[in-house]
PDB file of N, CA and C in Angstrom:
ATOM      1  N   MET A   1     -13.100  -3.665   3.195  1.00  0.00           N
ATOM      2  CA  MET A   1     -13.136  -4.257   1.875  1.00  0.00           C
ATOM      3  C   MET A   1     -12.294  -5.532   1.854  1.00  0.00           C
ATOM      4  N   PHE A   2     -11.012  -5.461   2.191  1.00  0.00           N
ATOM      5  CA  PHE A   2     -10.204  -6.668   2.311  1.00  0.00           C
ATOM      6  C   PHE A   2      -9.249  -6.498   3.482  1.00  0.00           C
ATOM      7  N   GLY A   3      -8.821  -7.609   4.023  1.00  0.00           N
ATOM      8  CA  GLY A   3      -8.075  -7.611   5.269  1.00  0.00           C
ATOM      9  C   GLY A   3      -6.595  -7.342   5.114  1.00  0.00           C
ATOM     10  N   PRO A   4      -5.891  -7.382   6.229  1.00  0.00           N
ATOM     11  CA  PRO A   4      -4.464  -7.065   6.218  1.00  0.00           C
ATOM     12  C   PRO A   4      -3.622  -8.075   5.439  1.00  0.00           C
ATOM     13  N   PHE A   5      -4.012  -9.343   5.472  1.00  0.00           N
ATOM     14  CA  PHE A   5      -3.243 -10.352   4.736  1.00  0.00           C
ATOM     15  C   PHE A   5      -3.325 -10.101   3.232  1.00  0.00           C
ATOM     16  N   CYS A   6      -4.512  -9.845   2.745  1.00  0.00           N
ATOM     17  CA  CYS A   6      -4.712  -9.576   1.315  1.00  0.00           C
ATOM     18  C   CYS A   6      -4.010  -8.276   0.913  1.00  0.00           C
ATOM     19  N   THR A   7      -4.077  -7.271   1.787  1.00  0.00           N
ATOM     20  CA  THR A   7      -3.388  -6.006   1.515  1.00  0.00           C
ATOM     21  C   THR A   7      -1.884  -6.227   1.413  1.00  0.00           C
ATOM     22  N   GLY A   8      -1.341  -7.048   2.306  1.00  0.00           N
ATOM     23  CA  GLY A   8       0.092  -7.341   2.275  1.00  0.00           C
ATOM     24  C   GLY A   8       0.511  -8.055   1.005  1.00  0.00           C
ATOM     25  N   ILE A   9      -0.299  -9.001   0.578  1.00  0.00           N
ATOM     26  CA  ILE A   9       0.020  -9.723  -0.663  1.00  0.00           C
ATOM     27  C   ILE A   9      -0.020  -8.778  -1.857  1.00  0.00           C
ATOM     28  N   PHE A  10      -1.061  -7.952  -1.928  1.00  0.00           N
ATOM     29  CA  PHE A  10      -1.161  -7.009  -3.044  1.00  0.00           C
ATOM     30  C   PHE A  10      -0.037  -5.980  -3.009  1.00  0.00           C
ATOM     31  N   LEU A  11       0.356  -5.552  -1.810  1.00  0.00           N
ATOM     32  CA  LEU A  11       1.461  -4.601  -1.691  1.00  0.00           C
ATOM     33  C   LEU A  11       2.763  -5.235  -2.178  1.00  0.00           C
ATOM     34  N   PHE A  12       2.997  -6.488  -1.803  1.00  0.00           N
ATOM     35  CA  PHE A  12       4.189  -7.192  -2.280  1.00  0.00           C
ATOM     36  C   PHE A  12       4.185  -7.296  -3.804  1.00  0.00           C
ATOM     37  N   LEU A  13       3.036  -7.660  -4.384  1.00  0.00           N
ATOM     38  CA  LEU A  13       2.947  -7.780  -5.843  1.00  0.00           C
ATOM     39  C   LEU A  13       3.157  -6.432  -6.528  1.00  0.00           C
ATOM     40  N   ALA A  14       2.650  -5.360  -5.935  1.00  0.00           N
ATOM     41  CA  ALA A  14       2.837  -4.032  -6.520  1.00  0.00           C
ATOM     42  C   ALA A  14       4.310  -3.623  -6.477  1.00  0.00           C
ATOM     43  N   LEU A  15       4.977  -3.912  -5.367  1.00  0.00           N
ATOM     44  CA  LEU A  15       6.399  -3.566  -5.272  1.00  0.00           C
ATOM     45  C   LEU A  15       7.236  -4.420  -6.226  1.00  0.00           C
ATOM     46  N   TRP A  16       6.894  -5.705  -6.331  1.00  0.00           N
ATOM     47  CA  TRP A  16       7.617  -6.568  -7.256  1.00  0.00           C
ATOM     48  C   TRP A  16       7.377  -6.120  -8.699  1.00  0.00           C
ATOM     49  N   GLY A  17       6.154  -5.742  -9.028  1.00  0.00           N
ATOM     50  CA  GLY A  17       5.841  -5.249 -10.370  1.00  0.00           C
ATOM     51  C   GLY A  17       6.591  -3.972 -10.689  1.00  0.00           C
ATOM     52  N   THR A  18       6.764  -3.111  -9.680  1.00  0.00           N
ATOM     53  CA  THR A  18       7.516  -1.875  -9.872  1.00  0.00           C
ATOM     54  C   THR A  18       8.959  -2.177 -10.258  1.00  0.00           C
ATOM     55  N   VAL A  19       9.588  -3.064  -9.512  1.00  0.00           N
ATOM     56  CA  VAL A  19      10.983  -3.420  -9.802  1.00  0.00           C
ATOM     57  C   VAL A  19      11.087  -4.090 -11.168  1.00  0.00           C
ATOM     58  N   PHE A  20      10.184  -5.019 -11.454  1.00  0.00           N
ATOM     59  CA  PHE A  20      10.224  -5.747 -12.717  1.00  0.00           C
ATOM     60  C   PHE A  20      10.072  -4.802 -13.905  1.00  0.00           C
ATOM     61  N   MET A  21       9.099  -3.901 -13.849  1.00  0.00           N
ATOM     62  CA  MET A  21       8.873  -2.992 -14.975  1.00  0.00           C
ATOM     63  C   MET A  21      10.014  -1.993 -15.134  1.00  0.00           C
ATOM     64  N   ALA A  22      10.609  -1.567 -14.023  1.00  0.00           N
ATOM     65  CA  ALA A  22      11.748  -0.653 -14.116  1.00  0.00           C
ATOM     66  C   ALA A  22      12.934  -1.340 -14.798  1.00  0.00           C
ATOM     67  N   VAL A  23      13.210  -2.582 -14.411  1.00  0.00           N
ATOM     68  CA  VAL A  23      14.319  -3.330 -15.025  1.00  0.00           C
ATOM     69  C   VAL A  23      14.018  -3.618 -16.493  1.00  0.00           C
ATOM     70  N   LEU A  24      12.793  -4.030 -16.785  1.00  0.00           N
ATOM     71  CA  LEU A  24      12.421  -4.321 -18.168  1.00  0.00           C
ATOM     72  C   LEU A  24      12.512  -3.065 -19.038  1.00  0.00           C
ATOM     73  N   GLY A  25      12.093  -1.922 -18.498  1.00  0.00           N
ATOM     74  CA  GLY A  25      12.224  -0.663 -19.233  1.00  0.00           C
ATOM     75  C   GLY A  25      13.681  -0.325 -19.511  1.00  0.00           C
ATOM     76  N   GLY A  26      14.546  -0.583 -18.532  1.00  0.00           N
ATOM     77  CA  GLY A  26      15.976  -0.350 -18.740  1.00  0.00           C
ATOM     78  C   GLY A  26      16.556  -1.254 -19.815  1.00  0.00           C
ATOM     79  N   LEU A  27      16.111  -2.499 -19.837  1.00  0.00           N
ATOM     80  CA  LEU A  27      16.594  -3.418 -20.870  1.00  0.00           C
ATOM     81  C   LEU A  27      16.108  -2.999 -22.256  1.00  0.00           C
ATOM     82  N   PHE A  28      14.862  -2.554 -22.358  1.00  0.00           N
ATOM     83  CA  PHE A  28      14.379  -2.060 -23.646  1.00  0.00           C
ATOM     84  C   PHE A  28      15.133  -0.796 -24.048  1.00  0.00           C
ATOM     85  N   TYR A  29      15.417   0.075 -23.089  1.00  0.00           N
ATOM     86  CA  TYR A  29      16.117   1.323 -23.401  1.00  0.00           C
ATOM     87  C   TYR A  29      17.532   1.042 -23.899  1.00  0.00           C
ATOM     88  N   ASN A  30      18.166  -0.013 -23.362  1.00  0.00           N
ATOM     89  CA  ASN A  30      19.507  -0.400 -23.816  1.00  0.00           C
ATOM     90  C   ASN A  30      19.470  -1.305 -25.037  1.00  0.00           C
ATOM     91  N   GLN A  31      18.296  -1.548 -25.581  1.00  0.00           N
ATOM     92  CA  GLN A  31      18.075  -2.329 -26.799  1.00  0.00           C
ATOM     93  C   GLN A  31      18.644  -3.741 -26.677  1.00  0.00           C
ATOM     94  N   SER A  32      18.190  -4.438 -25.659  1.00  0.00           N
ATOM     95  CA  SER A  32      18.598  -5.824 -25.440  1.00  0.00           C
ATOM     96  C   SER A  32      18.121  -6.701 -26.596  1.00  0.00           C
ATOM     97  N   VAL A  33      19.042  -7.482 -27.146  1.00  0.00           N
ATOM     98  CA  VAL A  33      18.721  -8.327 -28.294  1.00  0.00           C
ATOM     99  C   VAL A  33      17.707  -9.406 -27.907  1.00  0.00           C
ATOM    100  N   GLY A  34      17.750  -9.866 -26.674  1.00  0.00           N
ATOM    101  CA  GLY A  34      16.824 -10.896 -26.226  1.00  0.00           C
ATOM    102  C   GLY A  34      15.368 -10.452 -26.228  1.00  0.00           C
ATOM    103  N   LEU A  35      15.133  -9.150 -26.222  1.00  0.00           N
ATOM    104  CA  LEU A  35      13.766  -8.623 -26.227  1.00  0.00           C
ATOM    105  C   LEU A  35      13.304  -8.215 -27.622  1.00  0.00           C
ATOM    106  N   PHE A  36      14.090  -8.549 -28.641  1.00  0.00           N
ATOM    107  CA  PHE A  36      13.735  -8.161 -30.005  1.00  0.00           C
ATOM    108  C   PHE A  36      12.393  -8.752 -30.426  1.00  0.00           C
ATOM    109  N   GLU A  37      12.115  -9.982 -29.995  1.00  0.00           N
ATOM    110  CA  GLU A  37      10.855 -10.641 -30.375  1.00  0.00           C
ATOM    111  C   GLU A  37       9.644  -9.984 -29.730  1.00  0.00           C
ATOM    112  N   ASP A  38       9.859  -9.203 -28.675  1.00  0.00           N
ATOM    113  CA  ASP A  38       8.747  -8.552 -27.985  1.00  0.00           C
ATOM    114  C   ASP A  38       8.398  -7.195 -28.578  1.00  0.00           C
ATOM    115  N   LEU A  39       9.125  -6.773 -29.602  1.00  0.00           N
ATOM    116  CA  LEU A  39       8.793  -5.512 -30.270  1.00  0.00           C
ATOM    117  C   LEU A  39       7.564  -5.705 -31.150  1.00  0.00           C
ATOM    118  N   PRO A  40       6.787  -4.640 -31.352  1.00  0.00           N
ATOM    119  CA  PRO A  40       5.654  -4.754 -32.288  1.00  0.00           C
ATOM    120  C   PRO A  40       6.152  -5.059 -33.697  1.00  0.00           C
ATOM    121  N   LYS A  41       5.336  -5.727 -34.465  1.00  0.00           N
ATOM    122  CA  LYS A  41       5.714  -6.091 -35.832  1.00  0.00           C
ATOM    123  C   LYS A  41       5.800  -4.845 -36.709  1.00  0.00           C
ATOM    124  N   GLU A  42       6.682  -4.931 -37.688  1.00  0.00           N
ATOM    125  CA  GLU A  42       6.804  -3.848 -38.660  1.00  0.00           C
ATOM    126  C   GLU A  42       5.623  -3.882 -39.619  1.00  0.00           C
ATOM    127  N   GLY A  43       5.284  -2.716 -40.114  1.00  0.00           N
ATOM    128  CA  GLY A  43       4.238  -2.658 -41.127  1.00  0.00           C
ATOM    129  C   GLY A  43       4.763  -3.113 -42.479  1.00  0.00           C
ATOM    130  N   LYS A  44       3.855  -3.390 -43.382  1.00  0.00           N
ATOM    131  CA  LYS A  44       4.252  -3.816 -44.735  1.00  0.00           C
ATOM    132  C   LYS A  44       5.038  -2.721 -45.451  1.00  0.00           C
ATOM    133  N   SER A  45       4.760  -1.464 -45.105  1.00  0.00           N
ATOM    134  CA  SER A  45       5.452  -0.367 -45.788  1.00  0.00           C
ATOM    135  C   SER A  45       6.934  -0.303 -45.416  1.00  0.00           C
ATOM    136  N   MET A  46       7.309  -0.824 -44.226  1.00  0.00           N
ATOM    137  CA  MET A  46       8.710  -0.767 -43.804  1.00  0.00           C
ATOM    138  C   MET A  46       9.561  -1.829 -44.492  1.00  0.00           C
ATOM    139  N   GLU A  47       8.962  -2.880 -45.019  1.00  0.00           N
ATOM    140  CA  GLU A  47       9.737  -3.962 -45.633  1.00  0.00           C
ATOM    141  C   GLU A  47      10.467  -3.516 -46.890  1.00  0.00           C
ATOM    142  N   SER A  48       9.931  -2.544 -47.582  1.00  0.00           N
ATOM    143  CA  SER A  48      10.554  -2.091 -48.826  1.00  0.00           C
ATOM    144  C   SER A  48      11.499  -0.912 -48.610  1.00  0.00           C
ATOM    145  N   LYS A  49      11.606  -0.426 -47.400  1.00  0.00           N
ATOM    146  CA  LYS A  49      12.466   0.732 -47.118  1.00  0.00           C
ATOM    147  C   LYS A  49      13.915   0.284 -46.953  1.00  0.00           C
ATOM    148  N   PRO A  50      14.853   1.225 -47.099  1.00  0.00           N
ATOM    149  CA  PRO A  50      16.271   0.881 -46.904  1.00  0.00           C
ATOM    150  C   PRO A  50      16.552   0.468 -45.454  1.00  0.00           C
ATOM    151  N   TRP A  51      17.658  -0.246 -45.286  1.00  0.00           N
ATOM    152  CA  TRP A  51      17.999  -0.796 -43.978  1.00  0.00           C
ATOM    153  C   TRP A  51      18.188   0.301 -42.931  1.00  0.00           C
ATOM    154  N   LYS A  52      18.730   1.439 -43.317  1.00  0.00           N
ATOM    155  CA  LYS A  52      18.962   2.531 -42.370  1.00  0.00           C
ATOM    156  C   LYS A  52      17.644   3.019 -41.764  1.00  0.00           C
ATOM    157  N   ASP A  53      16.607   3.106 -42.584  1.00  0.00           N
ATOM    158  CA  ASP A  53      15.294   3.515 -42.082  1.00  0.00           C
ATOM    159  C   ASP A  53      14.702   2.452 -41.155  1.00  0.00           C
ATOM    160  N   ARG A  54      14.939   1.197 -41.476  1.00  0.00           N
ATOM    161  CA  ARG A  54      14.419   0.118 -40.626  1.00  0.00           C
ATOM    162  C   ARG A  54      15.122   0.106 -39.271  1.00  0.00           C
ATOM    163  N   VAL A  55      16.430   0.386 -39.260  1.00  0.00           N
ATOM    164  CA  VAL A  55      17.169   0.448 -37.996  1.00  0.00           C
ATOM    165  C   VAL A  55      16.634   1.590 -37.140  1.00  0.00           C
ATOM    166  N   ASN A  56      16.364   2.736 -37.757  1.00  0.00           N
ATOM    167  CA  ASN A  56      15.780   3.854 -37.018  1.00  0.00           C
ATOM    168  C   ASN A  56      14.408   3.482 -36.465  1.00  0.00           C
ATOM    169  N   ASN A  57      13.634   2.721 -37.236  1.00  0.00           N
ATOM    170  CA  ASN A  57      12.325   2.270 -36.769  1.00  0.00           C
ATOM    171  C   ASN A  57      12.476   1.333 -35.571  1.00  0.00           C
ATOM    172  N   PHE A  58      13.466   0.425 -35.613  1.00  0.00           N
ATOM    173  CA  PHE A  58      13.709  -0.464 -34.473  1.00  0.00           C
ATOM    174  C   PHE A  58      14.102   0.335 -33.233  1.00  0.00           C
ATOM    175  N   ASP A  59      14.938   1.363 -33.421  1.00  0.00           N
ATOM    176  CA  ASP A  59      15.320   2.211 -32.292  1.00  0.00           C
ATOM    177  C   ASP A  59      14.094   2.871 -31.668  1.00  0.00           C
ATOM    178  N   ASN A  60      13.209   3.372 -32.513  1.00  0.00           N
ATOM    179  CA  ASN A  60      11.994   4.010 -32.006  1.00  0.00           C
ATOM    180  C   ASN A  60      11.092   3.010 -31.287  1.00  0.00           C
ATOM    181  N   LEU A  61      11.000   1.789 -31.815  1.00  0.00           N
ATOM    182  CA  LEU A  61      10.171   0.769 -31.169  1.00  0.00           C
ATOM    183  C   LEU A  61      10.733   0.379 -29.802  1.00  0.00           C
ATOM    184  N   TYR A  62      12.058   0.241 -29.705  1.00  0.00           N
ATOM    185  CA  TYR A  62      12.674  -0.059 -28.412  1.00  0.00           C
ATOM    186  C   TYR A  62      12.393   1.062 -27.412  1.00  0.00           C
ATOM    187  N   GLN A  63      12.559   2.315 -27.849  1.00  0.00           N
ATOM    188  CA  GLN A  63      12.318   3.440 -26.946  1.00  0.00           C
ATOM    189  C   GLN A  63      10.863   3.505 -26.511  1.00  0.00           C
ATOM    190  N   GLN A  64       9.938   3.270 -27.429  1.00  0.00           N
ATOM    191  CA  GLN A  64       8.524   3.325 -27.078  1.00  0.00           C
ATOM    192  C   GLN A  64       8.167   2.232 -26.077  1.00  0.00           C
ATOM    193  N   ASN A  65       8.726   1.038 -26.257  1.00  0.00           N
ATOM    194  CA  ASN A  65       8.471  -0.034 -25.290  1.00  0.00           C
ATOM    195  C   ASN A  65       9.074   0.301 -23.930  1.00  0.00           C
ATOM    196  N   ALA A  66      10.246   0.941 -23.915  1.00  0.00           N
ATOM    197  CA  ALA A  66      10.850   1.353 -22.646  1.00  0.00           C
ATOM    198  C   ALA A  66       9.957   2.364 -21.938  1.00  0.00           C
ATOM    199  N   TYR A  67       9.447   3.347 -22.666  1.00  0.00           N
ATOM    200  CA  TYR A  67       8.568   4.347 -22.058  1.00  0.00           C
ATOM    201  C   TYR A  67       7.282   3.705 -21.549  1.00  0.00           C
ATOM    202  N   ASN A  68       6.739   2.748 -22.290  1.00  0.00           N
ATOM    203  CA  ASN A  68       5.528   2.053 -21.843  1.00  0.00           C
ATOM    204  C   ASN A  68       5.786   1.284 -20.546  1.00  0.00           C
ATOM    205  N   CYS A  69       6.949   0.661 -20.440  1.00  0.00           N
ATOM    206  CA  CYS A  69       7.288  -0.064 -19.208  1.00  0.00           C
ATOM    207  C   CYS A  69       7.415   0.897 -18.036  1.00  0.00           C
ATOM    208  N   TRP A  70       8.015   2.055 -18.267  1.00  0.00           N
ATOM    209  CA  TRP A  70       8.171   3.021 -17.182  1.00  0.00           C
ATOM    210  C   TRP A  70       6.836   3.640 -16.775  1.00  0.00           C
ATOM    211  N   ILE A  71       5.925   3.788 -17.709  1.00  0.00           N
ATOM    212  CA  ILE A  71       4.577   4.256 -17.360  1.00  0.00           C
ATOM    213  C   ILE A  71       3.884   3.209 -16.490  1.00  0.00           C
ATOM    214  N   ALA A  72       4.009   1.943 -16.859  1.00  0.00           N
ATOM    215  CA  ALA A  72       3.435   0.869 -16.043  1.00  0.00           C
ATOM    216  C   ALA A  72       4.088   0.836 -14.663  1.00  0.00           C
ATOM    217  N   CYS A  73       5.377   1.131 -14.600  1.00  0.00           N
ATOM    218  CA  CYS A  73       6.081   1.197 -13.321  1.00  0.00           C
ATOM    219  C   CYS A  73       5.481   2.300 -12.450  1.00  0.00           C
ATOM    220  N   GLY A  74       5.181   3.439 -13.045  1.00  0.00           N
ATOM    221  CA  GLY A  74       4.544   4.530 -12.307  1.00  0.00           C
ATOM    222  C   GLY A  74       3.168   4.151 -11.793  1.00  0.00           C
ATOM    223  N   VAL A  75       2.419   3.413 -12.590  1.00  0.00           N
ATOM    224  CA  VAL A  75       1.100   2.942 -12.147  1.00  0.00           C
ATOM    225  C   VAL A  75       1.257   1.995 -10.960  1.00  0.00           C
ATOM    226  N   TYR A  76       2.239   1.105 -11.024  1.00  0.00           N
ATOM    227  CA  TYR A  76       2.483   0.197  -9.903  1.00  0.00           C
ATOM    228  C   TYR A  76       2.880   0.974  -8.647  1.00  0.00           C
ATOM    229  N   ILE A  77       3.653   2.039  -8.801  1.00  0.00           N
ATOM    230  CA  ILE A  77       4.021   2.865  -7.647  1.00  0.00           C
ATOM    231  C   ILE A  77       2.775   3.493  -7.032  1.00  0.00           C
ATOM    232  N   GLY A  78       1.878   3.995  -7.887  1.00  0.00           N
ATOM    233  CA  GLY A  78       0.630   4.569  -7.383  1.00  0.00           C
ATOM    234  C   GLY A  78      -0.203   3.549  -6.628  1.00  0.00           C
ATOM    235  N   ILE A  79      -0.284   2.343  -7.160  1.00  0.00           N
ATOM    236  CA  ILE A  79      -1.033   1.280  -6.482  1.00  0.00           C
ATOM    237  C   ILE A  79      -0.363   0.925  -5.157  1.00  0.00           C
ATOM    238  N   ALA A  80       0.972   0.888  -5.133  1.00  0.00           N
ATOM    239  CA  ALA A  80       1.692   0.574  -3.897  1.00  0.00           C
ATOM    240  C   ALA A  80       1.449   1.649  -2.841  1.00  0.00           C
ATOM    241  N   VAL A  81       1.380   2.905  -3.252  1.00  0.00           N
ATOM    242  CA  VAL A  81       1.101   3.987  -2.300  1.00  0.00           C
ATOM    243  C   VAL A  81      -0.297   3.821  -1.710  1.00  0.00           C
ATOM    244  N   LEU A  82      -1.278   3.551  -2.566  1.00  0.00           N
ATOM    245  CA  LEU A  82      -2.643   3.354  -2.069  1.00  0.00           C
ATOM    246  C   LEU A  82      -2.730   2.152  -1.126  1.00  0.00           C
ATOM    247  N   LEU A  83      -2.045   1.080  -1.465  1.00  0.00           N
ATOM    248  CA  LEU A  83      -2.057  -0.093  -0.595  1.00  0.00           C
ATOM    249  C   LEU A  83      -1.321   0.165   0.716  1.00  0.00           C
ATOM    250  N   SER A  84      -0.279   0.986   0.678  1.00  0.00           N
ATOM    251  CA  SER A  84       0.416   1.350   1.914  1.00  0.00           C
ATOM    252  C   SER A  84      -0.499   2.154   2.827  1.00  0.00           C
ATOM    253  N   LEU A  85      -1.257   3.071   2.241  1.00  0.00           N
ATOM    254  CA  LEU A  85      -2.219   3.834   3.039  1.00  0.00           C
ATOM    255  C   LEU A  85      -3.274   2.908   3.638  1.00  0.00           C
ATOM    256  N   ARG A  86      -3.727   1.948   2.859  1.00  0.00           N
ATOM    257  CA  ARG A  86      -4.712   0.980   3.349  1.00  0.00           C
ATOM    258  C   ARG A  86      -4.120   0.157   4.493  1.00  0.00           C
ATOM    259  N   ALA A  87      -2.859  -0.244   4.372  1.00  0.00           N
ATOM    260  CA  ALA A  87      -2.213  -1.021   5.432  1.00  0.00           C
ATOM    261  C   ALA A  87      -2.072  -0.188   6.704  1.00  0.00           C
ATOM    262  N   CYS A  88      -1.769   1.099   6.561  1.00  0.00           N
ATOM    263  CA  CYS A  88      -1.679   1.975   7.735  1.00  0.00           C
ATOM    264  C   CYS A  88      -3.034   2.120   8.412  1.00  0.00           C
ATOM    265  N   CYS A  89      -4.086   2.260   7.622  1.00  0.00           N
ATOM    266  CA  CYS A  89      -5.436   2.362   8.193  1.00  0.00           C
ATOM    267  C   CYS A  89      -5.818   1.078   8.925  1.00  0.00           C
ATOM    268  N   LEU A  90      -5.447  -0.059   8.378  1.00  0.00           N
ATOM    269  CA  LEU A  90      -5.758  -1.331   9.029  1.00  0.00           C
ATOM    270  C   LEU A  90      -4.932  -1.531  10.294  1.00  0.00           C
ATOM    271  N   ALA A  91      -3.714  -1.007  10.319  1.00  0.00           N
ATOM    272  CA  ALA A  91      -2.851  -1.165  11.487  1.00  0.00           C
ATOM    273  C   ALA A  91      -3.337  -0.307  12.654  1.00  0.00           C
ATOM    274  N   LYS A  92      -3.996   0.803  12.372  1.00  0.00           N
ATOM    275  CA  LYS A  92      -4.477   1.695  13.430  1.00  0.00           C
ATOM    276  C   LYS A  92      -5.728   1.164  14.114  1.00  0.00           C
ATOM    277  N   ARG A  93      -6.383   0.178  13.546  1.00  0.00           N
ATOM    278  CA  ARG A  93      -7.613  -0.371  14.141  1.00  0.00           C
ATOM    279  C   ARG A  93      -7.341  -1.090  15.400  1.00  0.00           C
TER     280      ARG A  93
END
């Protein structure tokens, strides 16, 4: 399907994506202020709620984004495993 050079590039990208998503998930989990703009927008119903409820909503949004990043990290790990198997098969030829 594709050669060893392409497999190597894709494997590198999968490993880099794994590290990036793991770090990004950690930053979301620690509620980094710099990532506040990357949170989903609040609904119109949250604008009229008290500040304490809005803070709890922000906490939930940060946690959900962290979990989404870690799920993407797991997908990248799966892709890296498949590409590693492909590289081993190509090396045995």
